[in-house]
PDB file of N, CA and C in Angstrom:
ATOM      1  N   MET A   1     -23.117 -11.155  70.073  1.00  0.00           N
ATOM      2  CA  MET A   1     -23.913 -11.781  69.036  1.00  0.00           C
ATOM      3  C   MET A   1     -23.946 -10.897  67.788  1.00  0.00           C
ATOM      4  N   LEU A   2     -23.970  -9.584  67.987  1.00  0.00           N
ATOM      5  CA  LEU A   2     -23.994  -8.703  66.825  1.00  0.00           C
ATOM      6  C   LEU A   2     -22.698  -8.791  66.034  1.00  0.00           C
ATOM      7  N   GLY A   3     -21.577  -8.899  66.734  1.00  0.00           N
ATOM      8  CA  GLY A   3     -20.296  -9.020  66.049  1.00  0.00           C
ATOM      9  C   GLY A   3     -20.212 -10.311  65.248  1.00  0.00           C
ATOM     10  N   TRP A   4     -20.752 -11.376  65.785  1.00  0.00           N
ATOM     11  CA  TRP A   4     -20.720 -12.655  65.087  1.00  0.00           C
ATOM     12  C   TRP A   4     -21.685 -12.656  63.905  1.00  0.00           C
ATOM     13  N   SER A   5     -22.868 -12.064  64.079  1.00  0.00           N
ATOM     14  CA  SER A   5     -23.877 -12.094  63.026  1.00  0.00           C
ATOM     15  C   SER A   5     -23.556 -11.149  61.871  1.00  0.00           C
ATOM     16  N   SER A   6     -22.642 -10.212  62.065  1.00  0.00           N
ATOM     17  CA  SER A   6     -22.316  -9.284  60.983  1.00  0.00           C
ATOM     18  C   SER A   6     -21.420  -9.921  59.931  1.00  0.00           C
ATOM     19  N   ASN A   7     -20.900 -11.122  60.214  1.00  0.00           N
ATOM     20  CA  ASN A   7     -20.070 -11.871  59.281  1.00  0.00           C
ATOM     21  C   ASN A   7     -18.787 -11.099  58.914  1.00  0.00           C
ATOM     22  N   SER A   8     -18.269 -10.355  59.867  1.00  0.00           N
ATOM     23  CA  SER A   8     -17.031  -9.628  59.701  1.00  0.00           C
ATOM     24  C   SER A   8     -16.117  -9.975  60.866  1.00  0.00           C
ATOM     25  N   ARG A   9     -14.888 -10.322  60.541  1.00  0.00           N
ATOM     26  CA  ARG A   9     -13.997 -10.734  61.629  1.00  0.00           C
ATOM     27  C   ARG A   9     -13.638  -9.570  62.546  1.00  0.00           C
ATOM     28  N   TYR A  10     -13.610  -8.348  62.020  1.00  0.00           N
ATOM     29  CA  TYR A  10     -13.295  -7.191  62.850  1.00  0.00           C
ATOM     30  C   TYR A  10     -14.414  -6.906  63.848  1.00  0.00           C
ATOM     31  N   ALA A  11     -15.645  -7.018  63.405  1.00  0.00           N
ATOM     32  CA  ALA A  11     -16.774  -6.831  64.307  1.00  0.00           C
ATOM     33  C   ALA A  11     -16.813  -7.941  65.360  1.00  0.00           C
ATOM     34  N   LEU A  12     -16.483  -9.160  64.953  1.00  0.00           N
ATOM     35  CA  LEU A  12     -16.442 -10.270  65.901  1.00  0.00           C
ATOM     36  C   LEU A  12     -15.371 -10.041  66.960  1.00  0.00           C
ATOM     37  N   LEU A  13     -14.185  -9.634  66.539  1.00  0.00           N
ATOM     38  CA  LEU A  13     -13.113  -9.368  67.497  1.00  0.00           C
ATOM     39  C   LEU A  13     -13.454  -8.198  68.422  1.00  0.00           C
ATOM     40  N   GLY A  14     -14.096  -7.170  67.875  1.00  0.00           N
ATOM     41  CA  GLY A  14     -14.526  -6.051  68.712  1.00  0.00           C
ATOM     42  C   GLY A  14     -15.569  -6.470  69.733  1.00  0.00           C
ATOM     43  N   GLY A  15     -16.506  -7.306  69.317  1.00  0.00           N
ATOM     44  CA  GLY A  15     -17.519  -7.810  70.251  1.00  0.00           C
ATOM     45  C   GLY A  15     -16.916  -8.686  71.330  1.00  0.00           C
ATOM     46  N   LEU A  16     -15.976  -9.540  70.942  1.00  0.00           N
ATOM     47  CA  LEU A  16     -15.302 -10.382  71.930  1.00  0.00           C
ATOM     48  C   LEU A  16     -14.499  -9.543  72.917  1.00  0.00           C
ATOM     49  N   ARG A  17     -13.852  -8.511  72.418  1.00  0.00           N
ATOM     50  CA  ARG A  17     -13.068  -7.623  73.288  1.00  0.00           C
ATOM     51  C   ARG A  17     -13.966  -6.893  74.276  1.00  0.00           C
ATOM     52  N   ALA A  18     -15.081  -6.401  73.804  1.00  0.00           N
ATOM     53  CA  ALA A  18     -16.010  -5.696  74.688  1.00  0.00           C
ATOM     54  C   ALA A  18     -16.595  -6.641  75.740  1.00  0.00           C
ATOM     55  N   ALA A  19     -16.933  -7.866  75.335  1.00  0.00           N
ATOM     56  CA  ALA A  19     -17.473  -8.837  76.287  1.00  0.00           C
ATOM     57  C   ALA A  19     -16.426  -9.233  77.323  1.00  0.00           C
ATOM     58  N   ALA A  20     -15.197  -9.442  76.895  1.00  0.00           N
ATOM     59  CA  ALA A  20     -14.134  -9.800  77.831  1.00  0.00           C
ATOM     60  C   ALA A  20     -13.862  -8.667  78.813  1.00  0.00           C
ATOM     61  N   GLN A  21     -13.894  -7.439  78.333  1.00  0.00           N
ATOM     62  CA  GLN A  21     -13.675  -6.287  79.204  1.00  0.00           C
ATOM     63  C   GLN A  21     -14.802  -6.179  80.229  1.00  0.00           C
ATOM     64  N   PHE A  22     -16.017  -6.386  79.792  1.00  0.00           N
ATOM     65  CA  PHE A  22     -17.174  -6.318  80.685  1.00  0.00           C
ATOM     66  C   PHE A  22     -17.097  -7.397  81.760  1.00  0.00           C
ATOM     67  N   ILE A  23     -16.779  -8.629  81.355  1.00  0.00           N
ATOM     68  CA  ILE A  23     -16.695  -9.742  82.295  1.00  0.00           C
ATOM     69  C   ILE A  23     -15.545  -9.544  83.277  1.00  0.00           C
ATOM     70  N   ALA A  24     -14.409  -9.044  82.794  1.00  0.00           N
ATOM     71  CA  ALA A  24     -13.251  -8.868  83.658  1.00  0.00           C
ATOM     72  C   ALA A  24     -13.558  -7.905  84.801  1.00  0.00           C
ATOM     73  N   TYR A  25     -14.217  -6.812  84.528  1.00  0.00           N
ATOM     74  CA  TYR A  25     -14.536  -5.851  85.581  1.00  0.00           C
ATOM     75  C   TYR A  25     -15.577  -6.415  86.540  1.00  0.00           C
ATOM     76  N   ASP A  26     -16.564  -7.148  86.026  1.00  0.00           N
ATOM     77  CA  ASP A  26     -17.591  -7.715  86.891  1.00  0.00           C
ATOM     78  C   ASP A  26     -17.026  -8.769  87.825  1.00  0.00           C
ATOM     79  N   VAL A  27     -16.086  -9.568  87.359  1.00  0.00           N
ATOM     80  CA  VAL A  27     -15.488 -10.599  88.205  1.00  0.00           C
ATOM     81  C   VAL A  27     -14.728  -9.958  89.363  1.00  0.00           C
ATOM     82  N   VAL A  28     -13.952  -8.935  89.091  1.00  0.00           N
ATOM     83  CA  VAL A  28     -13.193  -8.256  90.153  1.00  0.00           C
ATOM     84  C   VAL A  28     -14.144  -7.610  91.158  1.00  0.00           C
ATOM     85  N   MET A  29     -15.180  -6.945  90.670  1.00  0.00           N
ATOM     86  CA  MET A  29     -16.138  -6.314  91.583  1.00  0.00           C
ATOM     87  C   MET A  29     -16.838  -7.365  92.443  1.00  0.00           C
ATOM     88  N   GLY A  30     -17.177  -8.499  91.863  1.00  0.00           N
ATOM     89  CA  GLY A  30     -17.809  -9.577  92.617  1.00  0.00           C
ATOM     90  C   GLY A  30     -16.899 -10.145  93.691  1.00  0.00           C
ATOM     91  N   LEU A  31     -15.620 -10.345  93.358  1.00  0.00           N
ATOM     92  CA  LEU A  31     -14.678 -10.857  94.352  1.00  0.00           C
ATOM     93  C   LEU A  31     -14.489  -9.870  95.504  1.00  0.00           C
ATOM     94  N   ILE A  32     -14.454  -8.592  95.199  1.00  0.00           N
ATOM     95  CA  ILE A  32     -14.332  -7.581  96.253  1.00  0.00           C
ATOM     96  C   ILE A  32     -15.555  -7.620  97.168  1.00  0.00           C
ATOM     97  N   LEU A  33     -16.739  -7.694  96.592  1.00  0.00           N
ATOM     98  CA  LEU A  33     -17.957  -7.730  97.410  1.00  0.00           C
ATOM     99  C   LEU A  33     -18.028  -8.996  98.243  1.00  0.00           C
ATOM    100  N   ILE A  34     -17.586 -10.133  97.706  1.00  0.00           N
ATOM    101  CA  ILE A  34     -17.578 -11.383  98.473  1.00  0.00           C
ATOM    102  C   ILE A  34     -16.638 -11.262  99.662  1.00  0.00           C
ATOM    103  N   ASN A  35     -15.458 -10.651  99.457  1.00  0.00           N
ATOM    104  CA  ASN A  35     -14.530 -10.457 100.572  1.00  0.00           C
ATOM    105  C   ASN A  35     -15.153  -9.609 101.670  1.00  0.00           C
ATOM    106  N   LEU A  36     -15.834  -8.540 101.303  1.00  0.00           N
ATOM    107  CA  LEU A  36     -16.448  -7.678 102.309  1.00  0.00           C
ATOM    108  C   LEU A  36     -17.606  -8.371 103.016  1.00  0.00           C
ATOM    109  N   LEU A  37     -18.339  -9.206 102.303  1.00  0.00           N
ATOM    110  CA  LEU A  37     -19.420  -9.963 102.943  1.00  0.00           C
ATOM    111  C   LEU A  37     -18.859 -10.986 103.921  1.00  0.00           C
ATOM    112  N   LEU A  38     -17.731 -11.595 103.569  1.00  0.00           N
ATOM    113  CA  LEU A  38     -17.102 -12.542 104.489  1.00  0.00           C
ATOM    114  C   LEU A  38     -16.591 -11.845 105.744  1.00  0.00           C
ATOM    115  N   VAL A  39     -16.040 -10.659 105.592  1.00  0.00           N
ATOM    116  CA  VAL A  39     -15.549  -9.909 106.757  1.00  0.00           C
ATOM    117  C   VAL A  39     -16.717  -9.519 107.654  1.00  0.00           C
ATOM    118  N   ALA A  40     -17.803  -9.063 107.051  1.00  0.00           N
ATOM    119  CA  ALA A  40     -18.970  -8.647 107.834  1.00  0.00           C
ATOM    120  C   ALA A  40     -19.685  -9.846 108.443  1.00  0.00           C
ATOM    121  N   GLY A  41     -19.555 -11.012 107.819  1.00  0.00           N
ATOM    122  CA  GLY A  41     -20.187 -12.214 108.350  1.00  0.00           C
ATOM    123  C   GLY A  41     -21.670 -12.300 108.086  1.00  0.00           C
ATOM    124  N   ALA A  42     -22.177 -11.513 107.151  1.00  0.00           N
ATOM    125  CA  ALA A  42     -23.601 -11.525 106.859  1.00  0.00           C
ATOM    126  C   ALA A  42     -23.842 -10.985 105.456  1.00  0.00           C
ATOM    127  N   THR A  43     -24.978 -11.366 104.900  1.00  0.00           N
ATOM    128  CA  THR A  43     -25.394 -10.801 103.620  1.00  0.00           C
ATOM    129  C   THR A  43     -26.552  -9.824 103.803  1.00  0.00           C
ATOM    130  N   ASP A  44     -27.017  -9.704 105.035  1.00  0.00           N
ATOM    131  CA  ASP A  44     -28.090  -8.777 105.355  1.00  0.00           C
ATOM    132  C   ASP A  44     -27.532  -7.359 105.399  1.00  0.00           C
ATOM    133  N   LEU A  45     -28.144  -6.461 104.657  1.00  0.00           N
ATOM    134  CA  LEU A  45     -27.650  -5.092 104.550  1.00  0.00           C
ATOM    135  C   LEU A  45     -27.635  -4.385 105.912  1.00  0.00           C
ATOM    136  N   GLU A  46     -28.615  -4.662 106.738  1.00  0.00           N
ATOM    137  CA  GLU A  46     -28.673  -4.033 108.058  1.00  0.00           C
ATOM    138  C   GLU A  46     -27.486  -4.452 108.928  1.00  0.00           C
ATOM    139  N   ARG A  47     -27.127  -5.737 108.897  1.00  0.00           N
ATOM    140  CA  ARG A  47     -25.994  -6.223 109.697  1.00  0.00           C
ATOM    141  C   ARG A  47     -24.668  -5.708 109.150  1.00  0.00           C
ATOM    142  N   ILE A  48     -24.569  -5.545 107.837  1.00  0.00           N
ATOM    143  CA  ILE A  48     -23.341  -4.994 107.250  1.00  0.00           C
ATOM    144  C   ILE A  48     -23.163  -3.548 107.688  1.00  0.00           C
ATOM    145  N   ILE A  49     -24.239  -2.789 107.708  1.00  0.00           N
ATOM    146  CA  ILE A  49     -24.181  -1.395 108.152  1.00  0.00           C
ATOM    147  C   ILE A  49     -23.816  -1.325 109.632  1.00  0.00           C
ATOM    148  N   GLN A  50     -24.384  -2.213 110.448  1.00  0.00           N
ATOM    149  CA  GLN A  50     -24.047  -2.243 111.871  1.00  0.00           C
ATOM    150  C   GLN A  50     -22.584  -2.624 112.077  1.00  0.00           C
ATOM    151  N   PHE A  51     -22.048  -3.484 111.237  1.00  0.00           N
ATOM    152  CA  PHE A  51     -20.645  -3.877 111.339  1.00  0.00           C
ATOM    153  C   PHE A  51     -19.723  -2.691 111.082  1.00  0.00           C
ATOM    154  N   GLN A  52     -20.160  -1.768 110.262  1.00  0.00           N
ATOM    155  CA  GLN A  52     -19.359  -0.591 109.927  1.00  0.00           C
ATOM    156  C   GLN A  52     -19.639   0.593 110.850  1.00  0.00           C
ATOM    157  N   GLU A  53     -20.271   0.347 111.978  1.00  0.00           N
ATOM    158  CA  GLU A  53     -20.638   1.427 112.882  1.00  0.00           C
ATOM    159  C   GLU A  53     -19.419   2.187 113.420  1.00  0.00           C
ATOM    160  N   HIS A  54     -18.355   1.480 113.708  1.00  0.00           N
ATOM    161  CA  HIS A  54     -17.172   2.122 114.281  1.00  0.00           C
ATOM    162  C   HIS A  54     -16.192   2.597 113.210  1.00  0.00           C
ATOM    163  N   THR A  55     -16.022   1.828 112.160  1.00  0.00           N
ATOM    164  CA  THR A  55     -15.121   2.226 111.066  1.00  0.00           C
ATOM    165  C   THR A  55     -15.646   1.669 109.741  1.00  0.00           C
ATOM    166  N   TRP A  56     -15.607   2.479 108.730  1.00  0.00           N
ATOM    167  CA  TRP A  56     -16.063   2.049 107.416  1.00  0.00           C
ATOM    168  C   TRP A  56     -15.092   1.045 106.827  1.00  0.00           C
ATOM    169  N   PHE A  57     -15.570   0.278 105.839  1.00  0.00           N
ATOM    170  CA  PHE A  57     -14.720  -0.701 105.160  1.00  0.00           C
ATOM    171  C   PHE A  57     -13.602  -0.029 104.366  1.00  0.00           C
ATOM    172  N   VAL A  58     -13.748   1.237 104.060  1.00  0.00           N
ATOM    173  CA  VAL A  58     -12.752   1.947 103.255  1.00  0.00           C
ATOM    174  C   VAL A  58     -11.413   2.026 103.988  1.00  0.00           C
ATOM    175  N   PHE A  59     -11.461   2.236 105.287  1.00  0.00           N
ATOM    176  CA  PHE A  59     -10.215   2.456 106.033  1.00  0.00           C
ATOM    177  C   PHE A  59      -9.409   1.183 106.272  1.00  0.00           C
ATOM    178  N   PRO A  60     -10.009   0.051 106.655  1.00  0.00           N
ATOM    179  CA  PRO A  60      -9.176  -1.146 106.802  1.00  0.00           C
ATOM    180  C   PRO A  60      -8.811  -1.801 105.468  1.00  0.00           C
ATOM    181  N   PHE A  61      -9.558  -1.506 104.406  1.00  0.00           N
ATOM    182  CA  PHE A  61      -9.309  -2.130 103.103  1.00  0.00           C
ATOM    183  C   PHE A  61      -9.161  -1.072 102.011  1.00  0.00           C
ATOM    184  N   PRO A  62      -8.120  -0.249 102.056  1.00  0.00           N
ATOM    185  CA  PRO A  62      -8.008   0.809 101.043  1.00  0.00           C
ATOM    186  C   PRO A  62      -7.746   0.265  99.640  1.00  0.00           C
ATOM    187  N   LEU A  63      -7.018  -0.830  99.522  1.00  0.00           N
ATOM    188  CA  LEU A  63      -6.751  -1.402  98.195  1.00  0.00           C
ATOM    189  C   LEU A  63      -8.038  -1.905  97.539  1.00  0.00           C
ATOM    190  N   LEU A  64      -8.886  -2.549  98.322  1.00  0.00           N
ATOM    191  CA  LEU A  64     -10.164  -3.011  97.774  1.00  0.00           C
ATOM    192  C   LEU A  64     -11.029  -1.838  97.342  1.00  0.00           C
ATOM    193  N   PHE A  65     -10.997  -0.755  98.113  1.00  0.00           N
ATOM    194  CA  PHE A  65     -11.771   0.427  97.739  1.00  0.00           C
ATOM    195  C   PHE A  65     -11.271   1.006  96.420  1.00  0.00           C
ATOM    196  N   ILE A  66      -9.955   1.105  96.260  1.00  0.00           N
ATOM    197  CA  ILE A  66      -9.390   1.653  95.022  1.00  0.00           C
ATOM    198  C   ILE A  66      -9.731   0.756  93.838  1.00  0.00           C
ATOM    199  N   LEU A  67      -9.590  -0.561  94.015  1.00  0.00           N
ATOM    200  CA  LEU A  67      -9.940  -1.489  92.931  1.00  0.00           C
ATOM    201  C   LEU A  67     -11.414  -1.396  92.571  1.00  0.00           C
ATOM    202  N   PHE A  68     -12.272  -1.334  93.580  1.00  0.00           N
ATOM    203  CA  PHE A  68     -13.706  -1.237  93.313  1.00  0.00           C
ATOM    204  C   PHE A  68     -14.041   0.061  92.599  1.00  0.00           C
ATOM    205  N   PHE A  69     -13.430   1.163  93.016  1.00  0.00           N
ATOM    206  CA  PHE A  69     -13.677   2.451  92.375  1.00  0.00           C
ATOM    207  C   PHE A  69     -13.226   2.435  90.916  1.00  0.00           C
ATOM    208  N   VAL A  70     -12.044   1.881  90.658  1.00  0.00           N
ATOM    209  CA  VAL A  70     -11.539   1.809  89.279  1.00  0.00           C
ATOM    210  C   VAL A  70     -12.455   0.932  88.428  1.00  0.00           C
ATOM    211  N   CYS A  71     -12.908  -0.189  88.970  1.00  0.00           N
ATOM    212  CA  CYS A  71     -13.796  -1.074  88.203  1.00  0.00           C
ATOM    213  C   CYS A  71     -15.142  -0.426  87.907  1.00  0.00           C
ATOM    214  N   THR A  72     -15.676   0.335  88.854  1.00  0.00           N
ATOM    215  CA  THR A  72     -16.961   0.979  88.582  1.00  0.00           C
ATOM    216  C   THR A  72     -16.814   2.088  87.539  1.00  0.00           C
ATOM    217  N   VAL A  73     -15.709   2.816  87.584  1.00  0.00           N
ATOM    218  CA  VAL A  73     -15.480   3.842  86.562  1.00  0.00           C
ATOM    219  C   VAL A  73     -15.281   3.186  85.199  1.00  0.00           C
ATOM    220  N   ALA A  74     -14.531   2.096  85.156  1.00  0.00           N
ATOM    221  CA  ALA A  74     -14.296   1.397  83.889  1.00  0.00           C
ATOM    222  C   ALA A  74     -15.586   0.776  83.359  1.00  0.00           C
ATOM    223  N   GLU A  75     -16.436   0.295  84.258  1.00  0.00           N
ATOM    224  CA  GLU A  75     -17.691  -0.327  83.836  1.00  0.00           C
ATOM    225  C   GLU A  75     -18.611   0.677  83.149  1.00  0.00           C
ATOM    226  N   THR A  76     -18.563   1.929  83.562  1.00  0.00           N
ATOM    227  CA  THR A  76     -19.411   2.944  82.947  1.00  0.00           C
ATOM    228  C   THR A  76     -18.775   3.552  81.695  1.00  0.00           C
ATOM    229  N   SER A  77     -17.584   3.081  81.337  1.00  0.00           N
ATOM    230  CA  SER A  77     -16.861   3.524  80.134  1.00  0.00           C
ATOM    231  C   SER A  77     -16.596   5.019  80.140  1.00  0.00           C
ATOM    232  N   ARG A  78     -16.194   5.534  81.266  1.00  0.00           N
ATOM    233  CA  ARG A  78     -15.781   6.932  81.362  1.00  0.00           C
ATOM    234  C   ARG A  78     -14.269   6.994  81.212  1.00  0.00           C
ATOM    235  N   GLY A  79     -13.779   8.209  80.900  1.00  0.00           N
ATOM    236  CA  GLY A  79     -12.351   8.366  80.713  1.00  0.00           C
ATOM    237  C   GLY A  79     -11.570   8.022  81.962  1.00  0.00           C
ATOM    238  N   PRO A  80     -10.454   7.426  81.849  1.00  0.00           N
ATOM    239  CA  PRO A  80      -9.660   7.042  80.676  1.00  0.00           C
ATOM    240  C   PRO A  80     -10.024   5.678  80.106  1.00  0.00           C
ATOM    241  N   PHE A  81     -11.170   5.108  80.524  1.00  0.00           N
ATOM    242  CA  PHE A  81     -11.575   3.784  80.058  1.00  0.00           C
ATOM    243  C   PHE A  81     -12.577   3.849  78.913  1.00  0.00           C
ATOM    244  N   ASP A  82     -12.636   4.933  78.168  1.00  0.00           N
ATOM    245  CA  ASP A  82     -13.626   5.100  77.115  1.00  0.00           C
ATOM    246  C   ASP A  82     -13.092   4.707  75.741  1.00  0.00           C
ATOM    247  N   LEU A  83     -12.055   3.921  75.673  1.00  0.00           N
ATOM    248  CA  LEU A  83     -11.489   3.521  74.380  1.00  0.00           C
ATOM    249  C   LEU A  83     -12.441   2.697  73.511  1.00  0.00           C
ATOM    250  N   PRO A  84     -13.301   1.819  74.067  1.00  0.00           N
ATOM    251  CA  PRO A  84     -14.220   1.102  73.178  1.00  0.00           C
ATOM    252  C   PRO A  84     -15.113   2.032  72.360  1.00  0.00           C
ATOM    253  N   GLU A  85     -15.539   3.161  72.931  1.00  0.00           N
ATOM    254  CA  GLU A  85     -16.361   4.105  72.183  1.00  0.00           C
ATOM    255  C   GLU A  85     -15.525   4.941  71.222  1.00  0.00           C
ATOM    256  N   ALA A  86     -14.245   5.112  71.498  1.00  0.00           N
ATOM    257  CA  ALA A  86     -13.401   5.983  70.684  1.00  0.00           C
ATOM    258  C   ALA A  86     -12.606   5.232  69.619  1.00  0.00           C
ATOM    259  N   GLU A  87     -12.841   3.933  69.461  1.00  0.00           N
ATOM    260  CA  GLU A  87     -12.063   3.166  68.492  1.00  0.00           C
ATOM    261  C   GLU A  87     -12.207   3.702  67.082  1.00  0.00           C
ATOM    262  N   GLY A  88     -13.411   4.098  66.709  1.00  0.00           N
ATOM    263  CA  GLY A  88     -13.618   4.620  65.362  1.00  0.00           C
ATOM    264  C   GLY A  88     -12.812   5.877  65.104  1.00  0.00           C
ATOM    265  N   GLU A  89     -12.797   6.761  66.076  1.00  0.00           N
ATOM    266  CA  GLU A  89     -12.021   8.000  65.907  1.00  0.00           C
ATOM    267  C   GLU A  89     -10.522   7.724  65.936  1.00  0.00           C
ATOM    268  N   LEU A  90     -10.098   6.772  66.738  1.00  0.00           N
ATOM    269  CA  LEU A  90      -8.669   6.466  66.804  1.00  0.00           C
ATOM    270  C   LEU A  90      -8.177   5.855  65.499  1.00  0.00           C
ATOM    271  N   VAL A  91      -8.977   4.989  64.904  1.00  0.00           N
ATOM    272  CA  VAL A  91      -8.579   4.350  63.642  1.00  0.00           C
ATOM    273  C   VAL A  91      -8.661   5.347  62.499  1.00  0.00           C
ATOM    274  N   ALA A  92      -9.640   6.245  62.541  1.00  0.00           N
ATOM    275  CA  ALA A  92      -9.815   7.206  61.448  1.00  0.00           C
ATOM    276  C   ALA A  92      -8.646   8.179  61.360  1.00  0.00           C
ATOM    277  N   ARG A  93      -7.987   8.439  62.458  1.00  0.00           N
ATOM    278  CA  ARG A  93      -6.874   9.394  62.447  1.00  0.00           C
ATOM    279  C   ARG A  93      -5.588   8.791  61.910  1.00  0.00           C
ATOM    280  N   LEU A  94      -5.515   7.486  61.785  1.00  0.00           N
ATOM    281  CA  LEU A  94      -4.293   6.877  61.256  1.00  0.00           C
ATOM    282  C   LEU A  94      -4.261   7.061  59.801  1.00  0.00           C
TER     283      LEU A  94
END
């Protein structure tokens, strides 16, 4: 909304880019969690923990763990996903 209300196309495009990036990571994280809930067969946290009594979800699903880890790091805008905060410095150096 701030990008649109500033009446600047660059701010609008930056706002749209940030919103799309935010939504993209949330959708992937949600799909990963839905898959794990389906495997566990419950949404109750106690039953999910009991399901992992013999082996954690990390070991049978390493790809999901890596995707979830990358999405959580990207969601917090830490390096190497900190480009939205560094756009001003990147443009200023050109």
